[in-house]
PDB file of N, CA and C in Angstrom:
ATOM      1  N   MET A   1     111.258  70.916  25.141  1.00  0.00           N
ATOM      2  CA  MET A   1     111.521  72.098  25.979  1.00  0.00           C
ATOM      3  C   MET A   1     111.355  71.660  27.407  1.00  0.00           C
ATOM      4  N   ASP A   2     112.259  72.262  28.281  1.00  0.00           N
ATOM      5  CA  ASP A   2     112.202  71.985  29.737  1.00  0.00           C
ATOM      6  C   ASP A   2     111.667  73.074  30.542  1.00  0.00           C
ATOM      7  N   PHE A   3     110.752  72.895  31.451  1.00  0.00           N
ATOM      8  CA  PHE A   3     110.229  73.992  32.237  1.00  0.00           C
ATOM      9  C   PHE A   3     110.606  73.822  33.649  1.00  0.00           C
ATOM     10  N   MET A   4     111.742  74.480  33.996  1.00  0.00           N
ATOM     11  CA  MET A   4     112.255  74.417  35.400  1.00  0.00           C
ATOM     12  C   MET A   4     112.471  72.971  35.883  1.00  0.00           C
ATOM     13  N   GLY A   5     112.874  72.057  34.992  1.00  0.00           N
ATOM     14  CA  GLY A   5     113.079  70.678  35.420  1.00  0.00           C
ATOM     15  C   GLY A   5     111.806  69.831  35.286  1.00  0.00           C
ATOM     16  N   PHE A   6     110.617  70.370  34.989  1.00  0.00           N
ATOM     17  CA  PHE A   6     109.387  69.710  34.851  1.00  0.00           C
ATOM     18  C   PHE A   6     109.364  69.214  33.352  1.00  0.00           C
ATOM     19  N   GLY A   7     108.683  68.124  33.203  1.00  0.00           N
ATOM     20  CA  GLY A   7     108.680  67.574  31.738  1.00  0.00           C
ATOM     21  C   GLY A   7     107.785  68.375  30.803  1.00  0.00           C
ATOM     22  N   SER A   8     106.809  69.125  31.291  1.00  0.00           N
ATOM     23  CA  SER A   8     105.899  69.837  30.340  1.00  0.00           C
ATOM     24  C   SER A   8     105.352  71.066  31.065  1.00  0.00           C
ATOM     25  N   TYR A   9     104.905  71.941  30.239  1.00  0.00           N
ATOM     26  CA  TYR A   9     104.290  73.189  30.702  1.00  0.00           C
ATOM     27  C   TYR A   9     103.122  72.875  31.640  1.00  0.00           C
ATOM     28  N   GLU A  10     102.312  71.905  31.266  1.00  0.00           N
ATOM     29  CA  GLU A  10     101.137  71.557  32.096  1.00  0.00           C
ATOM     30  C   GLU A  10     101.552  71.182  33.454  1.00  0.00           C
ATOM     31  N   THR A  11     102.579  70.393  33.623  1.00  0.00           N
ATOM     32  CA  THR A  11     103.078  69.967  34.990  1.00  0.00           C
ATOM     33  C   THR A  11     103.586  71.155  35.779  1.00  0.00           C
ATOM     34  N   ALA A  12     104.378  71.986  35.098  1.00  0.00           N
ATOM     35  CA  ALA A  12     104.862  73.184  35.816  1.00  0.00           C
ATOM     36  C   ALA A  12     103.708  74.086  36.173  1.00  0.00           C
ATOM     37  N   TRP A  13     102.750  74.261  35.423  1.00  0.00           N
ATOM     38  CA  TRP A  13     101.520  75.113  35.734  1.00  0.00           C
ATOM     39  C   TRP A  13     100.760  74.471  36.917  1.00  0.00           C
ATOM     40  N   SER A  14     100.636  73.185  36.907  1.00  0.00           N
ATOM     41  CA  SER A  14      99.936  72.441  37.973  1.00  0.00           C
ATOM     42  C   SER A  14     100.668  72.691  39.316  1.00  0.00           C
ATOM     43  N   TRP A  15     101.978  72.475  39.363  1.00  0.00           N
ATOM     44  CA  TRP A  15     102.721  72.776  40.554  1.00  0.00           C
ATOM     45  C   TRP A  15     102.667  74.177  40.994  1.00  0.00           C
ATOM     46  N   LEU A  16     102.739  75.138  40.144  1.00  0.00           N
ATOM     47  CA  LEU A  16     102.551  76.556  40.410  1.00  0.00           C
ATOM     48  C   LEU A  16     101.282  76.763  41.160  1.00  0.00           C
ATOM     49  N   GLN A  17     100.217  76.192  40.698  1.00  0.00           N
ATOM     50  CA  GLN A  17      98.801  76.361  41.316  1.00  0.00           C
ATOM     51  C   GLN A  17      98.837  75.783  42.684  1.00  0.00           C
ATOM     52  N   LYS A  18      99.425  74.625  42.908  1.00  0.00           N
ATOM     53  CA  LYS A  18      99.417  74.019  44.165  1.00  0.00           C
ATOM     54  C   LYS A  18     100.200  74.814  45.136  1.00  0.00           C
ATOM     55  N   LEU A  19     101.393  75.285  44.726  1.00  0.00           N
ATOM     56  CA  LEU A  19     102.243  76.100  45.607  1.00  0.00           C
ATOM     57  C   LEU A  19     101.456  77.439  46.028  1.00  0.00           C
ATOM     58  N   ARG A  20     100.867  78.085  45.056  1.00  0.00           N
ATOM     59  CA  ARG A  20     100.042  79.280  45.366  1.00  0.00           C
ATOM     60  C   ARG A  20      98.922  79.071  46.424  1.00  0.00           C
ATOM     61  N   ARG A  21      98.152  77.885  46.186  1.00  0.00           N
ATOM     62  CA  ARG A  21      97.133  77.587  47.212  1.00  0.00           C
ATOM     63  C   ARG A  21      97.686  77.371  48.523  1.00  0.00           C
ATOM     64  N   ALA A  22      98.806  76.731  48.707  1.00  0.00           N
ATOM     65  CA  ALA A  22      99.461  76.376  49.911  1.00  0.00           C
ATOM     66  C   ALA A  22      99.944  77.632  50.550  1.00  0.00           C
ATOM     67  N   MET A  23     100.380  78.629  49.869  1.00  0.00           N
ATOM     68  CA  MET A  23     100.967  79.772  50.441  1.00  0.00           C
ATOM     69  C   MET A  23     100.017  80.838  50.885  1.00  0.00           C
ATOM     70  N   VAL A  24      98.777  80.795  50.507  1.00  0.00           N
ATOM     71  CA  VAL A  24      97.763  81.835  50.768  1.00  0.00           C
ATOM     72  C   VAL A  24      96.769  81.424  51.859  1.00  0.00           C
ATOM     73  N   ARG A  25      97.113  80.300  52.503  1.00  0.00           N
ATOM     74  CA  ARG A  25      96.185  79.860  53.512  1.00  0.00           C
ATOM     75  C   ARG A  25      96.275  80.810  54.765  1.00  0.00           C
ATOM     76  N   PRO A  26      95.137  80.865  55.499  1.00  0.00           N
ATOM     77  CA  PRO A  26      95.121  81.793  56.703  1.00  0.00           C
ATOM     78  C   PRO A  26      95.989  81.178  57.836  1.00  0.00           C
ATOM     79  N   GLN A  27      96.110  81.870  58.932  1.00  0.00           N
ATOM     80  CA  GLN A  27      96.743  81.435  60.109  1.00  0.00           C
ATOM     81  C   GLN A  27      98.273  81.249  59.790  1.00  0.00           C
ATOM     82  N   ARG A  28      98.868  82.278  59.447  1.00  0.00           N
ATOM     83  CA  ARG A  28     100.295  82.233  58.998  1.00  0.00           C
ATOM     84  C   ARG A  28     101.294  82.296  60.165  1.00  0.00           C
ATOM     85  N   ASP A  29     100.851  81.767  61.361  1.00  0.00           N
ATOM     86  CA  ASP A  29     101.757  81.713  62.454  1.00  0.00           C
ATOM     87  C   ASP A  29     102.712  80.533  62.330  1.00  0.00           C
ATOM     88  N   LYS A  30     103.596  80.280  63.309  1.00  0.00           N
ATOM     89  CA  LYS A  30     104.570  79.224  63.224  1.00  0.00           C
ATOM     90  C   LYS A  30     103.894  77.817  63.027  1.00  0.00           C
ATOM     91  N   LEU A  31     104.543  76.989  62.417  1.00  0.00           N
ATOM     92  CA  LEU A  31     104.073  75.615  62.214  1.00  0.00           C
ATOM     93  C   LEU A  31     104.210  74.938  63.595  1.00  0.00           C
ATOM     94  N   SER A  32     103.320  73.962  63.817  1.00  0.00           N
ATOM     95  CA  SER A  32     103.361  73.217  65.083  1.00  0.00           C
ATOM     96  C   SER A  32     103.198  71.729  64.868  1.00  0.00           C
ATOM     97  N   GLY A  33     103.354  70.960  66.009  1.00  0.00           N
ATOM     98  CA  GLY A  33     103.193  69.495  65.860  1.00  0.00           C
ATOM     99  C   GLY A  33     104.360  68.903  65.115  1.00  0.00           C
ATOM    100  N   GLU A  34     104.076  67.822  64.435  1.00  0.00           N
ATOM    101  CA  GLU A  34     105.126  67.101  63.633  1.00  0.00           C
ATOM    102  C   GLU A  34     105.292  67.927  62.340  1.00  0.00           C
ATOM    103  N   VAL A  35     106.559  68.340  62.056  1.00  0.00           N
ATOM    104  CA  VAL A  35     106.898  69.076  60.874  1.00  0.00           C
ATOM    105  C   VAL A  35     107.934  68.440  60.073  1.00  0.00           C
ATOM    106  N   GLU A  36     107.766  68.296  58.713  1.00  0.00           N
ATOM    107  CA  GLU A  36     108.795  67.708  57.874  1.00  0.00           C
ATOM    108  C   GLU A  36     109.449  68.776  57.026  1.00  0.00           C
ATOM    109  N   VAL A  37     110.719  68.788  56.833  1.00  0.00           N
ATOM    110  CA  VAL A  37     111.497  69.735  56.104  1.00  0.00           C
ATOM    111  C   VAL A  37     112.276  69.089  55.040  1.00  0.00           C
ATOM    112  N   ASP A  38     112.287  69.676  53.861  1.00  0.00           N
ATOM    113  CA  ASP A  38     113.164  69.172  52.761  1.00  0.00           C
ATOM    114  C   ASP A  38     113.670  70.371  51.982  1.00  0.00           C
ATOM    115  N   GLU A  39     114.712  70.068  51.187  1.00  0.00           N
ATOM    116  CA  GLU A  39     115.315  71.120  50.378  1.00  0.00           C
ATOM    117  C   GLU A  39     115.472  70.578  49.039  1.00  0.00           C
ATOM    118  N   THR A  40     115.658  71.594  48.080  1.00  0.00           N
ATOM    119  CA  THR A  40     115.972  71.203  46.701  1.00  0.00           C
ATOM    120  C   THR A  40     116.607  72.468  46.089  1.00  0.00           C
ATOM    121  N   TYR A  41     117.237  72.353  44.957  1.00  0.00           N
ATOM    122  CA  TYR A  41     117.836  73.362  44.227  1.00  0.00           C
ATOM    123  C   TYR A  41     117.072  73.461  42.950  1.00  0.00           C
ATOM    124  N   ILE A  42     116.599  74.706  42.555  1.00  0.00           N
ATOM    125  CA  ILE A  42     115.867  74.928  41.365  1.00  0.00           C
ATOM    126  C   ILE A  42     116.659  75.768  40.386  1.00  0.00           C
ATOM    127  N   GLY A  43     116.532  75.413  39.167  1.00  0.00           N
ATOM    128  CA  GLY A  43     117.346  76.108  38.129  1.00  0.00           C
ATOM    129  C   GLY A  43     117.424  75.081  36.935  1.00  0.00           C
ATOM    130  N   GLY A  44     117.664  75.332  35.791  1.00  0.00           N
ATOM    131  CA  GLY A  44     117.729  74.360  34.739  1.00  0.00           C
ATOM    132  C   GLY A  44     118.904  73.534  34.718  1.00  0.00           C
ATOM    133  N   VAL A  45     118.993  72.597  33.825  1.00  0.00           N
ATOM    134  CA  VAL A  45     120.205  71.807  33.553  1.00  0.00           C
ATOM    135  C   VAL A  45     121.217  72.617  32.906  1.00  0.00           C
ATOM    136  N   GLU A  46     122.419  72.600  33.417  1.00  0.00           N
ATOM    137  CA  GLU A  46     123.595  73.437  32.809  1.00  0.00           C
ATOM    138  C   GLU A  46     124.645  72.530  32.298  1.00  0.00           C
ATOM    139  N   ILE A  47     124.412  71.904  31.260  1.00  0.00           N
ATOM    140  CA  ILE A  47     125.409  70.939  30.674  1.00  0.00           C
ATOM    141  C   ILE A  47     126.713  71.730  30.218  1.00  0.00           C
ATOM    142  N   GLY A  48     127.784  71.258  30.826  1.00  0.00           N
ATOM    143  CA  GLY A  48     129.053  71.907  30.438  1.00  0.00           C
ATOM    144  C   GLY A  48     129.289  73.249  30.920  1.00  0.00           C
ATOM    145  N   LYS A  49     128.574  73.766  31.920  1.00  0.00           N
ATOM    146  CA  LYS A  49     128.762  75.177  32.383  1.00  0.00           C
ATOM    147  C   LYS A  49     129.337  75.138  33.865  1.00  0.00           C
ATOM    148  N   GLY A  50     130.407  74.592  34.037  1.00  0.00           N
ATOM    149  CA  GLY A  50     131.057  74.652  35.407  1.00  0.00           C
ATOM    150  C   GLY A  50     130.457  73.638  36.340  1.00  0.00           C
ATOM    151  N   LYS A  51     130.408  74.021  37.644  1.00  0.00           N
ATOM    152  CA  LYS A  51     129.968  73.110  38.696  1.00  0.00           C
ATOM    153  C   LYS A  51     128.538  72.865  38.601  1.00  0.00           C
ATOM    154  N   GLN A  52     128.137  71.549  38.767  1.00  0.00           N
ATOM    155  CA  GLN A  52     126.718  71.189  38.678  1.00  0.00           C
ATOM    156  C   GLN A  52     126.179  70.960  40.138  1.00  0.00           C
ATOM    157  N   GLY A  53     124.753  70.760  40.206  1.00  0.00           N
ATOM    158  CA  GLY A  53     124.204  70.395  41.439  1.00  0.00           C
ATOM    159  C   GLY A  53     124.165  71.514  42.509  1.00  0.00           C
ATOM    160  N   ARG A  54     124.475  71.182  43.778  1.00  0.00           N
ATOM    161  CA  ARG A  54     124.393  72.074  44.865  1.00  0.00           C
ATOM    162  C   ARG A  54     125.352  73.269  44.750  1.00  0.00           C
ATOM    163  N   GLY A  55     126.449  73.067  44.142  1.00  0.00           N
ATOM    164  CA  GLY A  55     127.392  74.177  43.983  1.00  0.00           C
ATOM    165  C   GLY A  55     127.205  75.117  42.870  1.00  0.00           C
ATOM    166  N   ALA A  56     126.337  74.782  41.970  1.00  0.00           N
ATOM    167  CA  ALA A  56     126.037  75.653  40.739  1.00  0.00           C
ATOM    168  C   ALA A  56     125.524  77.070  41.145  1.00  0.00           C
ATOM    169  N   GLU A  57     126.234  78.078  40.598  1.00  0.00           N
ATOM    170  CA  GLU A  57     125.943  79.420  40.971  1.00  0.00           C
ATOM    171  C   GLU A  57     124.528  79.854  40.448  1.00  0.00           C
ATOM    172  N   THR A  58     123.962  79.355  39.469  1.00  0.00           N
ATOM    173  CA  THR A  58     122.679  79.825  39.024  1.00  0.00           C
ATOM    174  C   THR A  58     121.462  79.101  39.649  1.00  0.00           C
ATOM    175  N   LYS A  59     121.707  78.081  40.506  1.00  0.00           N
ATOM    176  CA  LYS A  59     120.639  77.391  41.072  1.00  0.00           C
ATOM    177  C   LYS A  59     120.194  78.082  42.407  1.00  0.00           C
ATOM    178  N   THR A  60     118.927  77.972  42.761  1.00  0.00           N
ATOM    179  CA  THR A  60     118.432  78.631  43.960  1.00  0.00           C
ATOM    180  C   THR A  60     118.023  77.561  44.975  1.00  0.00           C
ATOM    181  N   LEU A  61     118.458  77.737  46.187  1.00  0.00           N
ATOM    182  CA  LEU A  61     118.092  76.812  47.253  1.00  0.00           C
ATOM    183  C   LEU A  61     116.639  77.105  47.628  1.00  0.00           C
ATOM    184  N   VAL A  62     115.767  76.082  47.654  1.00  0.00           N
ATOM    185  CA  VAL A  62     114.465  76.223  48.241  1.00  0.00           C
ATOM    186  C   VAL A  62     114.258  75.161  49.350  1.00  0.00           C
ATOM    187  N   VAL A  63     113.793  75.681  50.526  1.00  0.00           N
ATOM    188  CA  VAL A  63     113.550  74.865  51.714  1.00  0.00           C
ATOM    189  C   VAL A  63     112.037  74.915  51.959  1.00  0.00           C
ATOM    190  N   VAL A  64     111.428  73.701  52.127  1.00  0.00           N
ATOM    191  CA  VAL A  64     110.027  73.585  52.363  1.00  0.00           C
ATOM    192  C   VAL A  64     109.754  72.891  53.623  1.00  0.00           C
ATOM    193  N   ALA A  65     108.858  73.513  54.460  1.00  0.00           N
ATOM    194  CA  ALA A  65     108.453  72.847  55.741  1.00  0.00           C
ATOM    195  C   ALA A  65     107.009  72.659  55.706  1.00  0.00           C
ATOM    196  N   THR A  66     106.517  71.494  56.062  1.00  0.00           N
ATOM    197  CA  THR A  66     105.081  71.216  56.099  1.00  0.00           C
ATOM    198  C   THR A  66     104.662  70.522  57.419  1.00  0.00           C
ATOM    199  N   GLU A  67     103.508  70.888  57.862  1.00  0.00           N
ATOM    200  CA  GLU A  67     102.934  70.253  59.045  1.00  0.00           C
ATOM    201  C   GLU A  67     102.356  68.922  58.617  1.00  0.00           C
ATOM    202  N   CYS A  68     102.544  67.903  59.399  1.00  0.00           N
ATOM    203  CA  CYS A  68     102.063  66.563  59.123  1.00  0.00           C
ATOM    204  C   CYS A  68     100.771  66.433  59.978  1.00  0.00           C
ATOM    205  N   VAL A  69      99.599  66.225  59.238  1.00  0.00           N
ATOM    206  CA  VAL A  69      98.312  66.022  59.881  1.00  0.00           C
ATOM    207  C   VAL A  69      97.866  64.630  59.513  1.00  0.00           C
ATOM    208  N   GLY A  70      98.264  63.680  60.314  1.00  0.00           N
ATOM    209  CA  GLY A  70      97.903  62.317  59.841  1.00  0.00           C
ATOM    210  C   GLY A  70      98.706  61.938  58.609  1.00  0.00           C
ATOM    211  N   LYS A  71      98.046  61.508  57.610  1.00  0.00           N
ATOM    212  CA  LYS A  71      98.739  61.175  56.359  1.00  0.00           C
ATOM    213  C   LYS A  71      98.572  62.383  55.391  1.00  0.00           C
ATOM    214  N   GLN A  72      98.054  63.459  55.832  1.00  0.00           N
ATOM    215  CA  GLN A  72      97.844  64.668  54.982  1.00  0.00           C
ATOM    216  C   GLN A  72      98.820  65.722  55.290  1.00  0.00           C
ATOM    217  N   ILE A  73      99.023  66.754  54.350  1.00  0.00           N
ATOM    218  CA  ILE A  73      99.882  67.904  54.571  1.00  0.00           C
ATOM    219  C   ILE A  73      99.025  68.956  55.093  1.00  0.00           C
ATOM    220  N   GLY A  74      99.460  69.621  56.136  1.00  0.00           N
ATOM    221  CA  GLY A  74      98.823  70.774  56.689  1.00  0.00           C
ATOM    222  C   GLY A  74      99.377  72.042  56.098  1.00  0.00           C
ATOM    223  N   ARG A  75      99.696  72.984  56.862  1.00  0.00           N
ATOM    224  CA  ARG A  75     100.255  74.326  56.487  1.00  0.00           C
ATOM    225  C   ARG A  75     101.601  74.169  55.915  1.00  0.00           C
ATOM    226  N   VAL A  76     102.027  75.069  55.013  1.00  0.00           N
ATOM    227  CA  VAL A  76     103.355  74.923  54.335  1.00  0.00           C
ATOM    228  C   VAL A  76     104.046  76.258  54.428  1.00  0.00           C
ATOM    229  N   ARG A  77     105.369  76.172  54.645  1.00  0.00           N
ATOM    230  CA  ARG A  77     106.216  77.331  54.524  1.00  0.00           C
ATOM    231  C   ARG A  77     107.376  77.173  53.574  1.00  0.00           C
ATOM    232  N   PHE A  78     107.676  78.160  52.865  1.00  0.00           N
ATOM    233  CA  PHE A  78     108.835  78.111  51.859  1.00  0.00           C
ATOM    234  C   PHE A  78     109.846  79.165  52.231  1.00  0.00           C
ATOM    235  N   GLU A  79     111.092  78.896  51.951  1.00  0.00           N
ATOM    236  CA  GLU A  79     112.148  79.872  52.121  1.00  0.00           C
ATOM    237  C   GLU A  79     113.129  79.707  50.927  1.00  0.00           C
TER     238      GLU A  79
END
Protein backbone atom coordinates (compact mmCIF):
# COMPACT_ATOMS: atom_id res chain seq x y z
CA MET A 1 0.00 0.00 0.00
CA ASP A 2 1.24 3.50 -0.87
CA PHE A 3 0.66 6.46 1.48
CA MET A 4 0.84 9.69 -0.58
CA GLY A 5 4.06 8.53 -2.20
CA PHE A 6 5.67 7.44 1.09
CA GLY A 7 6.73 3.83 1.47
CA SER A 8 4.89 3.16 4.71
CA TYR A 9 2.27 4.52 7.07
CA GLU A 10 4.97 5.16 9.69
CA THR A 11 6.96 7.38 7.31
CA ALA A 12 3.83 9.34 6.31
CA TRP A 13 2.90 9.78 9.99
CA SER A 14 6.42 10.96 10.88
CA TRP A 15 6.35 13.59 8.10
CA LEU A 16 2.90 14.75 9.17
CA GLN A 17 4.16 15.35 12.71
CA LYS A 18 7.23 17.25 11.44
CA LEU A 19 5.07 19.47 9.23
CA ARG A 20 2.62 20.19 12.07
CA ARG A 21 5.46 21.20 14.41
CA ALA A 22 6.94 23.48 11.76
CA MET A 23 3.60 25.16 11.06
CA VAL A 24 2.65 26.05 14.65
CA ARG A 25 5.79 27.94 15.60
CA PRO A 26 5.26 31.45 16.97
CA GLN A 27 6.34 34.63 15.15
CA ARG A 28 4.42 34.00 11.96
CA ASP A 29 5.70 37.17 10.31
CA LYS A 30 7.57 37.15 6.98
CA LEU A 31 10.67 34.99 6.61
CA SER A 32 13.94 36.89 6.61
CA GLY A 33 17.64 36.37 5.87
CA GLU A 34 18.59 33.52 3.55
CA VAL A 35 15.47 31.66 2.42
CA GLU A 36 15.30 28.46 0.34
CA VAL A 37 12.20 27.65 -1.70
CA ASP A 38 11.25 24.35 -3.32
CA GLU A 39 8.17 22.86 -4.93
CA THR A 40 6.63 19.44 -5.34
CA TYR A 41 3.42 17.90 -6.55
CA ILE A 42 1.53 15.64 -4.16
CA GLY A 43 -0.98 13.02 -5.19
CA GLY A 44 -0.61 9.30 -5.81
CA VAL A 45 0.77 7.42 -8.78
CA GLU A 46 -1.75 7.41 -11.62
CA ILE A 47 -0.68 4.66 -13.97
CA GLY A 48 -2.44 4.91 -17.31
CA LYS A 49 -4.73 7.80 -16.33
CA GLY A 50 -3.79 10.56 -18.75
CA LYS A 51 -1.05 13.12 -18.22
CA GLN A 52 1.51 12.35 -15.49
CA GLY A 53 3.73 14.59 -13.33
CA ARG A 54 3.30 18.38 -13.27
CA GLY A 55 0.35 18.41 -15.65
CA ALA A 56 -1.75 15.78 -13.90
CA GLU A 57 -5.10 17.19 -12.86
CA THR A 58 -5.35 15.36 -9.53
CA LYS A 59 -1.94 16.43 -8.21
CA THR A 60 -1.61 19.42 -5.87
CA LEU A 61 1.28 21.87 -6.08
CA VAL A 62 2.98 22.46 -2.73
CA VAL A 63 5.57 25.22 -2.32
CA VAL A 64 7.78 25.28 0.79
CA ALA A 65 9.95 28.19 1.92
CA THR A 66 12.38 27.82 4.83
CA GLU A 67 14.75 30.17 6.61
CA CYS A 68 18.36 28.98 6.61
CA VAL A 69 19.96 29.39 10.03
CA GLY A 70 23.49 28.10 9.54
CA LYS A 71 23.09 24.43 8.64
CA GLN A 72 19.70 24.22 10.33
CA ILE A 73 16.18 25.03 9.17
CA GLY A 74 14.45 27.97 10.79
CA ARG A 75 10.83 28.96 10.27
CA VAL A 76 8.83 27.31 7.48
CA ARG A 77 5.97 28.47 5.25
CA PHE A 78 3.78 26.29 3.00
CA GLU A 79 1.48 27.29 0.16
